[in-house]
Protein backbone atom coordinates (compact mmCIF):
# COMPACT_ATOMS: atom_id res chain seq x y z
CA MET A 1 29.53 -6.29 -10.43
CA SER A 2 27.39 -8.45 -8.15
CA HIS A 3 24.43 -10.12 -9.77
CA LEU A 4 20.90 -10.35 -8.43
CA TRP A 5 20.77 -13.71 -10.22
CA THR A 6 23.32 -15.71 -12.15
CA ILE A 7 21.96 -17.10 -15.38
CA SER A 8 22.65 -20.66 -14.27
CA ASP A 9 20.56 -20.18 -11.11
CA MET A 10 17.77 -18.53 -13.13
CA MET A 11 17.72 -21.35 -15.67
CA LYS A 12 17.61 -23.96 -12.94
CA ALA A 13 14.79 -22.23 -11.06
CA MET A 14 12.64 -21.45 -14.11
CA THR A 15 13.32 -24.60 -16.18
CA GLY A 16 13.85 -22.50 -19.28
CA ARG A 17 15.95 -22.98 -22.39
CA PRO A 18 18.52 -20.44 -23.63
CA ILE A 19 18.62 -18.68 -26.98
CA GLY A 20 21.63 -16.60 -28.03
CA HIS A 21 24.69 -15.59 -26.04
CA LEU A 22 23.43 -15.14 -22.47
CA PRO A 23 25.19 -12.84 -19.97
CA GLU A 24 26.72 -14.27 -16.82
CA GLY A 25 23.99 -12.73 -14.68
CA ILE A 26 21.43 -9.94 -14.34
CA SER A 27 21.36 -6.84 -12.15
CA GLY A 28 17.58 -6.69 -11.74
CA ILE A 29 14.15 -7.71 -13.01
CA SER A 30 11.59 -5.57 -14.82
CA ILE A 31 8.17 -6.15 -16.35
CA ASP A 32 7.91 -2.58 -17.70
CA SER A 33 9.83 -1.69 -20.86
CA ARG A 34 9.49 2.02 -20.02
CA SER A 35 11.61 1.75 -16.88
CA ILE A 36 14.00 -1.08 -17.73
CA GLY A 37 17.55 -0.56 -16.47
CA PRO A 38 20.79 -1.64 -18.14
CA GLY A 39 21.70 -5.21 -17.27
CA GLU A 40 18.18 -6.14 -16.17
CA ALA A 41 16.07 -9.05 -17.36
CA PHE A 42 12.76 -8.16 -18.99
CA PHE A 43 9.96 -10.61 -18.18
CA ALA A 44 7.36 -10.38 -20.97
CA ILE A 45 4.28 -10.98 -18.81
CA LYS A 46 0.89 -11.09 -20.47
CA GLY A 47 -1.43 -8.89 -18.41
CA ASP A 48 -5.12 -8.11 -18.57
CA ARG A 49 -4.62 -5.16 -20.89
CA VAL A 50 -1.20 -5.53 -22.51
CA ASP A 51 1.19 -8.32 -23.46
CA GLY A 52 4.83 -7.77 -22.54
CA HIS A 53 5.94 -9.62 -25.67
CA ASP A 54 4.70 -6.62 -27.69
CA PHE A 55 7.30 -4.47 -25.93
CA ALA A 56 10.30 -6.80 -26.17
CA THR A 57 12.05 -4.68 -28.81
CA LYS A 58 11.56 -1.55 -26.70
CA ALA A 59 12.98 -3.36 -23.67
CA VAL A 60 16.12 -4.31 -25.60
CA ALA A 61 16.49 -0.70 -26.76
CA GLY A 62 16.21 0.36 -23.11
CA GLY A 63 19.19 -1.78 -22.09
CA ALA A 64 17.67 -5.15 -21.20
CA ALA A 65 20.43 -7.75 -20.97
CA LEU A 66 18.01 -10.63 -21.31
CA LEU A 67 14.41 -11.38 -22.30
CA VAL A 68 12.26 -14.01 -20.63
CA VAL A 69 9.59 -15.01 -23.15
CA SER A 70 7.04 -17.77 -23.60
CA GLU A 71 7.49 -20.57 -26.10
CA GLY A 72 4.18 -19.83 -27.77
CA LYS A 73 5.12 -16.21 -28.48
CA LEU A 74 8.55 -16.96 -29.91
CA PRO A 75 7.46 -16.94 -33.61
CA ALA A 76 5.90 -13.49 -33.17
CA LEU A 77 9.22 -12.02 -31.99
CA GLY A 78 10.53 -12.44 -35.53
CA ARG A 79 14.10 -11.34 -36.12
CA LEU A 80 14.79 -10.12 -32.58
CA THR A 81 18.30 -11.36 -31.77
CA ALA A 82 18.53 -10.50 -28.08
CA PRO A 83 19.57 -13.16 -25.54
CA MET A 84 16.49 -15.00 -24.28
CA ILE A 85 15.33 -17.60 -21.82
CA VAL A 86 12.30 -19.34 -23.28
CA VAL A 87 9.76 -20.75 -20.79
CA ASP A 88 6.34 -22.37 -20.90
CA ASP A 89 4.59 -19.35 -19.34
CA VAL A 90 6.36 -16.15 -18.22
CA LEU A 91 4.30 -15.47 -15.09
CA ALA A 92 4.58 -19.12 -14.02
CA ALA A 93 8.37 -18.91 -14.54
CA LEU A 94 8.49 -15.71 -12.46
CA CYS A 95 6.61 -17.54 -9.69
CA ARG A 96 9.17 -20.39 -9.80
CA LEU A 97 11.98 -17.84 -9.55
CA ALA A 98 10.15 -16.23 -6.60
CA VAL A 99 10.04 -19.57 -4.78
CA ALA A 100 13.77 -20.01 -5.41
CA ALA A 101 14.45 -16.49 -4.08
CA ARG A 102 12.59 -17.30 -0.87
CA ALA A 103 14.42 -20.61 -0.51
CA ARG A 104 17.91 -19.11 -0.83
CA THR A 105 17.55 -16.35 1.79
CA ALA A 106 18.03 -16.45 5.56
CA ALA A 107 16.00 -13.23 5.93
CA ARG A 108 13.27 -12.77 8.51
CA ILE A 109 10.10 -12.36 6.46
CA ILE A 110 7.05 -10.28 7.41
CA GLY A 111 3.79 -10.46 5.48
CA VAL A 112 1.10 -7.75 5.71
CA THR A 113 -2.53 -7.89 4.66
CA GLY A 114 -5.75 -6.16 5.75
CA SER A 115 -8.59 -4.09 4.32
CA VAL A 116 -6.93 -0.76 5.14
CA GLY A 117 -3.38 0.38 5.83
CA LYS A 118 -1.33 -2.36 4.11
CA THR A 119 1.00 -0.09 2.14
CA THR A 120 1.57 2.40 4.96
CA THR A 121 2.29 -0.49 7.35
CA LYS A 122 4.70 -2.01 4.81
CA GLU A 123 6.49 1.34 4.49
CA MET A 124 6.66 1.72 8.29
CA LEU A 125 8.26 -1.73 8.47
CA ARG A 126 10.76 -0.82 5.75
CA HIS A 127 11.63 2.34 7.65
CA THR A 128 11.85 0.83 11.15
CA LEU A 129 13.82 -2.27 10.16
CA ALA A 130 16.41 -0.34 8.13
CA PRO A 131 18.63 0.54 11.15
CA SER A 132 18.88 -3.19 11.94
CA GLY A 133 19.97 -4.56 8.57
CA ARG A 134 19.38 -4.91 4.84
CA VAL A 135 15.65 -4.57 4.10
CA HIS A 136 13.85 -5.64 0.94
CA ALA A 137 10.25 -4.53 0.39
CA ALA A 138 7.90 -4.01 -2.51
CA VAL A 139 7.87 -0.78 -4.44
CA ALA A 140 4.42 0.86 -4.63
CA SER A 141 1.54 -1.56 -3.93
CA PHE A 142 2.95 -4.66 -5.60
CA ASN A 143 0.58 -6.95 -3.70
CA ASN A 144 -1.21 -9.05 -6.34
CA HIS A 145 -0.66 -12.21 -8.42
CA TRP A 146 2.29 -10.67 -10.30
CA GLY A 147 3.43 -8.03 -7.80
CA VAL A 148 4.21 -10.49 -5.00
CA PRO A 149 6.28 -12.94 -7.10
CA LEU A 150 8.05 -10.01 -8.77
CA THR A 151 8.99 -8.58 -5.36
CA LEU A 152 10.19 -11.98 -4.19
CA ALA A 153 12.24 -12.60 -7.34
CA ARG A 154 13.87 -9.18 -6.86
CA MET A 155 14.97 -10.00 -3.29
CA PRO A 156 18.77 -10.16 -3.01
CA ALA A 157 20.17 -13.33 -1.45
CA ASP A 158 21.79 -11.37 1.41
CA THR A 159 18.56 -9.64 2.51
CA GLU A 160 18.15 -9.65 6.29
CA TYR A 161 14.51 -8.48 6.52
CA GLY A 162 11.89 -8.98 3.81
CA VAL A 163 8.55 -7.15 3.91
CA PHE A 164 5.70 -8.23 1.65
CA GLU A 165 2.28 -6.70 1.16
CA ILE A 166 -0.35 -9.25 0.12
CA GLY A 167 -3.69 -8.02 -1.21
CA MET A 168 -6.88 -9.50 -2.57
CA ASN A 169 -10.31 -8.58 -3.85
CA HIS A 170 -11.65 -12.14 -4.11
CA PRO A 171 -11.34 -15.34 -2.05
CA ASN A 172 -8.40 -17.68 -2.81
CA GLU A 173 -6.06 -14.87 -3.94
CA ILE A 174 -3.90 -14.63 -0.81
CA ARG A 175 -3.46 -18.41 -0.40
CA PRO A 176 -1.06 -19.07 -3.32
CA LEU A 177 0.86 -15.84 -2.68
CA VAL A 178 1.51 -16.42 1.01
CA LYS A 179 2.73 -19.94 0.25
CA MET A 180 5.47 -18.30 -1.85
CA VAL A 181 6.25 -15.62 0.76
CA ARG A 182 6.25 -17.98 3.79
CA PRO A 183 6.35 -15.22 6.43
CA HIS A 184 7.76 -15.67 9.90
CA VAL A 185 5.39 -12.90 11.03
CA ALA A 186 1.95 -12.21 9.49
CA ILE A 187 0.07 -8.97 10.22
CA ILE A 188 -3.61 -8.34 9.50
CA THR A 189 -4.14 -4.59 9.93
CA THR A 190 -7.95 -4.68 10.08
CA ILE A 191 -11.07 -6.08 8.46
CA ALA A 192 -13.35 -3.50 6.87
CA ALA A 193 -15.77 -3.05 3.98
CA ALA A 194 -13.28 -3.06 1.09
CA HIS A 195 -14.26 -4.84 -2.16
CA LEU A 196 -17.60 -5.42 -0.42
CA GLY A 197 -19.35 -6.02 -3.73
CA ASN A 198 -17.35 -9.25 -4.16
CA PHE A 199 -18.28 -10.68 -0.74
CA SER A 200 -21.40 -11.47 1.26
CA GLY A 201 -20.16 -9.48 4.24
CA LEU A 202 -17.31 -8.77 6.64
CA GLU A 203 -16.89 -12.35 7.83
CA GLU A 204 -16.29 -13.53 4.28
CA ILE A 205 -13.69 -10.75 3.87
CA ALA A 206 -12.09 -11.89 7.15
CA ALA A 207 -11.98 -15.48 5.89
CA ALA A 208 -10.19 -14.35 2.72
CA LYS A 209 -7.65 -12.34 4.74
CA ALA A 210 -7.16 -15.29 7.09
CA GLU A 211 -5.67 -17.24 4.17
CA ILE A 212 -2.40 -15.51 5.14
CA PHE A 213 -2.10 -17.84 8.14
CA GLU A 214 -1.75 -20.87 5.85
CA GLY A 215 1.72 -19.76 4.74
CA VAL A 216 3.18 -18.80 8.12
CA GLU A 217 6.41 -20.66 8.87
CA PRO A 218 6.54 -23.28 11.65
CA ASN A 219 6.94 -21.59 15.04
CA GLY A 220 5.85 -18.34 13.34
CA HIS A 221 3.72 -15.45 14.55
CA ALA A 222 0.44 -13.72 13.73
CA ILE A 223 -0.31 -10.14 14.83
CA LEU A 224 -4.04 -9.32 14.95
CA ASN A 225 -6.04 -6.16 15.59
CA ARG A 226 -7.60 -6.63 19.05
CA ASP A 227 -10.06 -3.78 18.46
CA ASN A 228 -11.59 -5.22 15.30
CA ALA A 229 -15.01 -6.89 15.43
CA GLN A 230 -13.58 -9.86 13.50
CA PHE A 231 -10.82 -10.51 16.07
CA ASP A 232 -12.32 -13.70 17.52
CA PHE A 233 -12.90 -15.10 14.02
CA LEU A 234 -9.29 -14.37 13.01
CA ASP A 235 -7.90 -15.68 16.29
CA ASP A 236 -9.73 -18.98 15.72
CA ALA A 237 -8.57 -19.07 12.08
CA ALA A 238 -4.94 -18.57 13.08
CA LEU A 239 -5.18 -21.37 15.65
CA ALA A 240 -6.87 -23.65 13.12
CA ALA A 241 -4.09 -22.96 10.60
CA GLY A 242 -1.49 -23.99 13.17
CA VAL A 243 0.11 -20.59 13.78
CA ALA A 244 2.31 -21.15 16.81
CA HIS A 245 2.17 -17.68 18.40
CA ILE A 246 -0.71 -15.18 18.23
CA HIS A 247 -0.17 -11.57 19.33
CA THR A 248 -2.48 -8.55 19.36
CA PHE A 249 -2.29 -4.80 18.84
CA GLY A 250 -4.63 -1.84 19.27
CA GLN A 251 -6.20 0.20 22.05
CA HIS A 252 -7.75 -2.80 23.80
CA ALA A 253 -6.58 -3.26 27.39
CA LYS A 254 -5.43 -6.80 26.61
CA ALA A 255 -3.44 -5.90 23.47
CA ASP A 256 0.21 -7.02 23.54
CA TYR A 257 1.26 -3.94 21.55
CA ARG A 258 -1.06 -1.26 22.90
CA LEU A 259 -1.80 2.31 21.92
CA VAL A 260 -2.27 3.82 25.38
CA GLU A 261 -2.48 7.50 24.41
CA TYR A 262 -2.51 9.37 21.11
CA GLU A 263 -2.15 13.07 20.44
CA GLY A 264 -1.95 14.35 16.85
CA ASP A 265 -1.71 17.76 15.23
CA GLY A 266 -2.55 16.80 11.64
CA GLU A 267 1.12 16.42 10.70
CA SER A 268 2.57 14.00 13.25
CA GLY A 269 1.54 11.92 16.24
CA LEU A 270 2.75 11.59 19.83
CA VAL A 271 2.04 8.16 21.26
CA VAL A 272 2.36 6.42 24.57
CA ALA A 273 2.75 2.74 23.67
CA GLU A 274 2.89 -0.38 25.79
CA ILE A 275 5.01 -3.05 24.07
CA ASP A 276 4.91 -6.37 25.92
CA GLY A 277 4.31 -4.58 29.22
CA GLN A 278 6.95 -1.85 28.71
CA MET A 279 5.77 1.78 28.38
CA ARG A 280 7.40 3.73 25.55
CA ASP A 281 7.03 7.28 24.21
CA VAL A 282 6.85 7.21 20.42
CA VAL A 283 6.85 10.11 17.96
CA ILE A 284 5.42 9.24 14.53
CA GLY A 285 6.27 11.50 11.60
CA ALA A 286 2.93 10.82 9.87
CA ALA A 287 -0.45 11.88 11.22
CA GLY A 288 -3.58 9.93 12.08
CA ARG A 289 -4.70 7.64 14.87
CA HIS A 290 -5.09 4.85 12.28
CA VAL A 291 -1.38 5.19 11.42
CA ALA A 292 -0.48 5.11 15.12
CA GLU A 293 -2.56 1.95 15.65
CA ASN A 294 -0.77 0.16 12.81
CA ALA A 295 2.56 1.41 14.18
CA MET A 296 1.87 -0.76 17.23
CA ALA A 297 1.71 -3.83 14.96
CA VAL A 298 4.91 -2.66 13.27
CA LEU A 299 6.79 -2.35 16.57
CA GLY A 300 5.53 -5.78 17.56
CA ALA A 301 6.78 -7.25 14.28
CA VAL A 302 10.16 -5.54 14.70
CA LYS A 303 10.51 -7.16 18.12
CA LEU A 304 9.41 -10.59 16.88
CA ALA A 305 11.80 -10.38 13.92
CA GLY A 306 14.70 -9.85 16.33
CA ALA A 307 15.43 -6.31 15.16
CA ASP A 308 16.41 -3.32 17.34
CA LEU A 309 13.22 -1.93 18.93
CA ASP A 310 14.86 1.29 20.21
CA ALA A 311 16.22 2.07 16.74
CA ALA A 312 12.80 1.32 15.24
CA ILE A 313 11.05 3.72 17.62
CA ALA A 314 13.58 6.43 16.76
CA ALA A 315 13.03 5.79 13.04
CA LEU A 316 9.26 6.34 13.32
CA GLY A 317 9.92 9.99 14.11
CA ALA A 318 11.44 10.48 10.66
CA LEU A 319 8.58 8.71 8.85
CA SER A 320 6.86 10.63 6.07
CA PRO A 321 3.50 9.72 4.53
CA VAL A 322 3.34 7.66 1.35
CA LYS A 323 2.26 9.40 -1.87
CA GLY A 324 -1.53 9.29 -2.14
CA ARG A 325 -1.85 8.09 1.45
CA GLY A 326 -1.74 11.21 3.59
CA GLU A 327 1.11 13.04 1.86
CA ARG A 328 0.88 16.74 2.73
CA HIS A 329 1.73 19.71 0.52
CA SER A 330 1.96 23.35 1.63
CA LEU A 331 1.14 25.39 -1.49
CA ALA A 332 1.49 29.11 -2.11
CA ILE A 333 -1.57 31.12 -3.15
CA ALA A 334 -2.16 34.88 -3.44
CA GLY A 335 -2.55 36.10 0.13
CA GLY A 336 -0.92 33.13 1.85
CA THR A 337 -0.79 29.33 1.67
CA PHE A 338 -3.11 26.34 1.80
CA THR A 339 -2.55 22.70 2.75
CA LEU A 340 -3.31 19.78 0.45
CA ILE A 341 -3.63 16.31 2.02
CA ASP A 342 -3.31 13.73 -0.75
CA GLU A 343 -5.34 10.62 0.12
CA SER A 344 -6.17 9.96 -3.53
CA TYR A 345 -4.69 6.47 -3.86
CA ASN A 346 -7.70 4.45 -2.72
CA ALA A 347 -10.81 4.46 -0.58
CA ASN A 348 -13.27 2.28 1.28
CA PRO A 349 -15.62 3.16 4.17
CA ALA A 350 -12.99 2.55 6.88
CA SER A 351 -10.20 4.50 5.17
CA MET A 352 -12.67 7.32 4.36
CA ARG A 353 -13.46 7.65 8.07
CA ALA A 354 -9.77 7.65 8.95
CA ALA A 355 -9.07 10.36 6.35
CA ILE A 356 -12.00 12.47 7.62
CA ALA A 357 -10.58 12.18 11.15
CA LEU A 358 -7.18 13.26 9.81
CA LEU A 359 -8.78 16.30 8.17
CA ALA A 360 -10.60 17.11 11.42
CA SER A 361 -7.28 17.12 13.31
CA SER A 362 -5.71 19.52 10.81
CA LYS A 363 -5.88 23.21 11.67
CA PRO A 364 -6.74 25.82 9.02
CA THR A 365 -5.20 29.28 9.39
CA GLY A 366 -6.96 32.62 9.35
CA GLU A 367 -10.30 32.37 7.55
CA GLY A 368 -9.40 28.96 6.11
CA ARG A 369 -11.78 26.04 5.83
CA ARG A 370 -11.50 22.29 6.26
CA ILE A 371 -12.62 20.88 2.90
CA ALA A 372 -13.34 17.23 2.12
CA VAL A 373 -12.96 16.50 -1.61
CA LEU A 374 -14.41 13.03 -2.02
CA GLY A 375 -15.01 10.64 -4.90
CA ASP A 376 -16.64 7.26 -5.37
CA MET A 377 -15.61 4.18 -3.41
CA ARG A 378 -15.47 1.37 -5.97
CA GLU A 379 -16.40 -2.32 -5.61
CA MET A 380 -19.15 -1.74 -3.06
CA GLY A 381 -21.77 -3.60 -5.13
CA ALA A 382 -25.30 -3.58 -3.74
CA PHE A 383 -24.03 -1.80 -0.60
CA SER A 384 -22.84 1.23 -2.57
CA HIS A 385 -25.71 3.67 -1.93
CA ASP A 386 -25.74 3.04 1.81
CA VAL A 387 -21.99 3.17 2.42
CA HIS A 388 -21.70 6.47 0.52
CA ALA A 389 -24.68 8.04 2.29
CA GLU A 390 -23.35 6.90 5.69
CA LEU A 391 -20.25 9.09 5.26
CA ALA A 392 -22.47 12.00 6.30
CA THR A 393 -22.18 10.81 9.91
CA PRO A 394 -18.38 11.12 10.34
CA LEU A 395 -18.33 14.35 8.29
CA LEU A 396 -20.91 15.99 10.54
CA ALA A 397 -19.30 14.62 13.72
CA ALA A 398 -15.97 16.11 12.59
CA GLY A 399 -17.57 19.48 11.89
CA ILE A 400 -16.60 19.47 8.21
CA SER A 401 -18.85 22.09 6.64
CA ASP A 402 -17.38 22.15 3.11
CA VAL A 403 -17.78 18.95 1.11
CA TRP A 404 -16.89 18.80 -2.59
CA LEU A 405 -17.93 15.64 -4.40
CA ALA A 406 -17.69 13.90 -7.78
CA GLY A 407 -18.89 10.60 -9.19
CA PRO A 408 -22.29 8.91 -9.62
CA ASP A 409 -22.05 7.02 -6.30
CA MET A 410 -21.26 10.20 -4.35
CA ALA A 411 -24.71 11.53 -5.27
CA ALA A 412 -25.94 9.44 -2.33
CA LEU A 413 -23.72 11.43 0.06
CA ARG A 414 -24.75 14.71 -1.56
CA ASP A 415 -28.39 13.86 -0.85
CA ALA A 416 -27.66 12.74 2.72
CA LEU A 417 -25.92 15.96 3.82
CA PRO A 418 -28.03 18.69 5.49
CA SER A 419 -28.45 22.17 4.05
CA ASN A 420 -26.00 23.78 6.51
CA VAL A 421 -23.12 21.94 4.78
CA GLN A 422 -21.65 23.67 1.74
CA VAL A 423 -21.87 20.89 -0.85
CA GLU A 424 -20.47 21.11 -4.37
CA TYR A 425 -21.21 18.16 -6.64
CA ARG A 426 -19.97 17.37 -10.12
CA GLU A 427 -20.60 14.14 -11.95
CA LYS A 428 -17.15 14.08 -13.56
CA THR A 429 -13.76 14.25 -11.84
CA GLU A 430 -12.42 16.70 -14.45
CA ASP A 431 -15.22 19.17 -13.73
CA LEU A 432 -14.61 18.99 -9.99
CA ALA A 433 -10.85 19.48 -10.55
CA GLU A 434 -11.58 22.72 -12.40
CA PHE A 435 -13.86 23.90 -9.59
CA VAL A 436 -11.32 22.99 -6.86
CA VAL A 437 -8.44 24.84 -8.54
CA GLY A 438 -10.55 27.98 -8.85
CA SER A 439 -12.17 27.87 -5.40
CA ILE A 440 -9.31 27.26 -2.99
CA ARG A 441 -8.51 30.10 -0.56
CA PRO A 442 -5.62 31.04 1.74
CA GLY A 443 -5.63 29.12 5.00
CA ASP A 444 -7.68 26.19 3.66
CA VAL A 445 -6.88 22.57 4.47
CA LEU A 446 -8.13 20.39 1.65
CA MET A 447 -8.20 16.57 1.75
CA VAL A 448 -8.64 14.58 -1.49
CA LYS A 449 -9.89 10.99 -1.14
CA SER A 450 -11.32 8.47 -3.59
CA SER A 451 -10.85 5.04 -5.11
CA LEU A 452 -7.97 4.91 -7.56
CA GLY A 453 -10.14 4.19 -10.59
CA THR A 454 -12.03 7.50 -10.29
CA GLY A 455 -8.94 9.45 -11.34
CA PHE A 456 -8.95 11.79 -8.34
CA GLY A 457 -5.18 11.97 -8.69
CA LYS A 458 -6.02 14.49 -11.45
CA ILE A 459 -7.34 16.87 -8.79
CA VAL A 460 -4.08 16.56 -6.83
CA SER A 461 -2.07 17.05 -10.03
CA ALA A 462 -4.13 20.09 -11.03
CA LEU A 463 -3.47 21.74 -7.66
CA LEU A 464 0.25 20.93 -7.78
CA ASP A 465 0.44 22.24 -11.37
CA ASN A 466 -1.36 25.50 -10.59
CA TYR A 467 0.14 26.32 -7.19
CA SER A 468 3.83 26.09 -6.33
CA ALA A 469 5.22 24.48 -3.20
CA PHE A 470 5.63 26.92 -0.36
CA SER A 471 8.99 27.22 1.35
CA ASP A 472 9.27 29.07 4.65
CA THR A 473 12.95 29.76 3.93
CA GLY A 474 12.03 32.78 1.83
CA GLY A 475 9.88 32.25 -1.23
CA ASN A 476 8.50 29.43 -3.28
CA ALA A 477 10.35 26.21 -4.07
C-alpha cells in the first residue's frame, strides 16, 4: 500500500516526538473522528467550539492508525495506548506538514479567492484539469486557517495540478495561507460586498483579497476580473507585489479570456469565448452568466498551467452544479413536478443578484411560478438594512412576483417590495420551511438562497424529504 506520508517524513516535517509503536506510514489525514478512515492519522485540532483531543478515543475506535496530539493535552488522554506523535501545537504542526507537502511536489498550483464564486471556480478547475493529469483540490469549502493547511497536507507527492480555495472575512487572513500554497496562478473571481460588516468598504475588501498576490511564485500569473470596479486597484496591487504576468477575464473588450456571448436556459449555458484571441464555442453544464464568466478565468488558468485546453472545454459540458450552489432538483408533486434550485450555501448582495438572474432564466411549466425563497445575508454590519432592501431592484427587474422571506434582516426587503408582489414573511426559518412545503405547486421553479448560518438548508431538506425525485424514465426515483 502506498502511503500519503511515511512516519519518518511526518516526524521530520512536524518536529514531533513518537509515543508507542508507530506504523510505517499513513493513508490519509482527518480532523473529524466521525469520518476517520482506517490507516489515517487523526489530528486533534482545537477549534472554536470543540477540541479534537476530546474525540481521540472515538478516532481510534474508527480506525485511526495514529494520533497527532499536543504536549499540553497529553495528561488528559489518560490510559489511551494508541500510537501518537506529540507536538507543541497540533494546528501549527499541520501547517508545518502543509509546507512540506508543497515543497515536495512538482505540481502546478492554482489559488482561487474572491467575494463570490470561489468554490464553483475551484470545482470547475478540478473538473477541467482532470483530463490532463492527477488533480488535488479541497473537499467542500476548506478555505480557512485550518482548511487550507489540511488540504495541502493531504496532497499526494505525485499530484500534477493542485487547486486551492483561499477565503477570508478579515484582513491578514489570506496572507499566511497563500505563503503556504505558493500558487503559480492566482485567480480573484470578483470583489463584492461580502463580510461588509468587517470592512470600511469595497476597497478594503479588495486590499484583503489582494494579499493572494504576495504568495505567487516567481514568474507566476494573476488572473483578474476586467469587469469589476476594483480592477485598477487589483492590477496595481499585483504589480506592486511583483507578480510577473497579469491576465484578465470577463466581458470587457480588452479581456484576455473574454465572454463574447452567453445564452442560458436555466440548466446550462452556451458560450462564445475568446481565449487569447482564439474564438471557441463552449457548453457549460451549469447555468448562470456568473458561472460562465468565472469559466473564462478557469480556461485561462488551464492554459497557463500547461494543461490541455481542448479537453478542458469538453469537460465543462459535463459540469454539474455544486451542492448548495445552484444544484437543481426535479421533484414529483400531485399533478406534475416542480424545480428546486438549491443556492442555500451562502449569500451576499452580489451572489443574491446572480441567483435571482438564474431564477429569471429558469422557465416554469403550465401555471407554475418563479419563487424566490430568501433569507438573511450575514456579516453586513451597519449596511445590512440597505443591502437587503436593495434586493427589491433585481427582483422587480427580473419579474419575480412571488417572494418568500425569513429572518430579521429580510424584513427590510419585505417592506421595500410593492404590493403587486406576493410576499410571504416569517421571522424563523422553520416557520418558512413549513409554509414552503405546503404551498408549492406543479410547474413552480423555486430558488432557495441565504447565508449558511440562517439554516436555510432546512428548507431544502424539508422539500427533498417531502417530495421524491422525479425520473422521466417512468416514475419516481
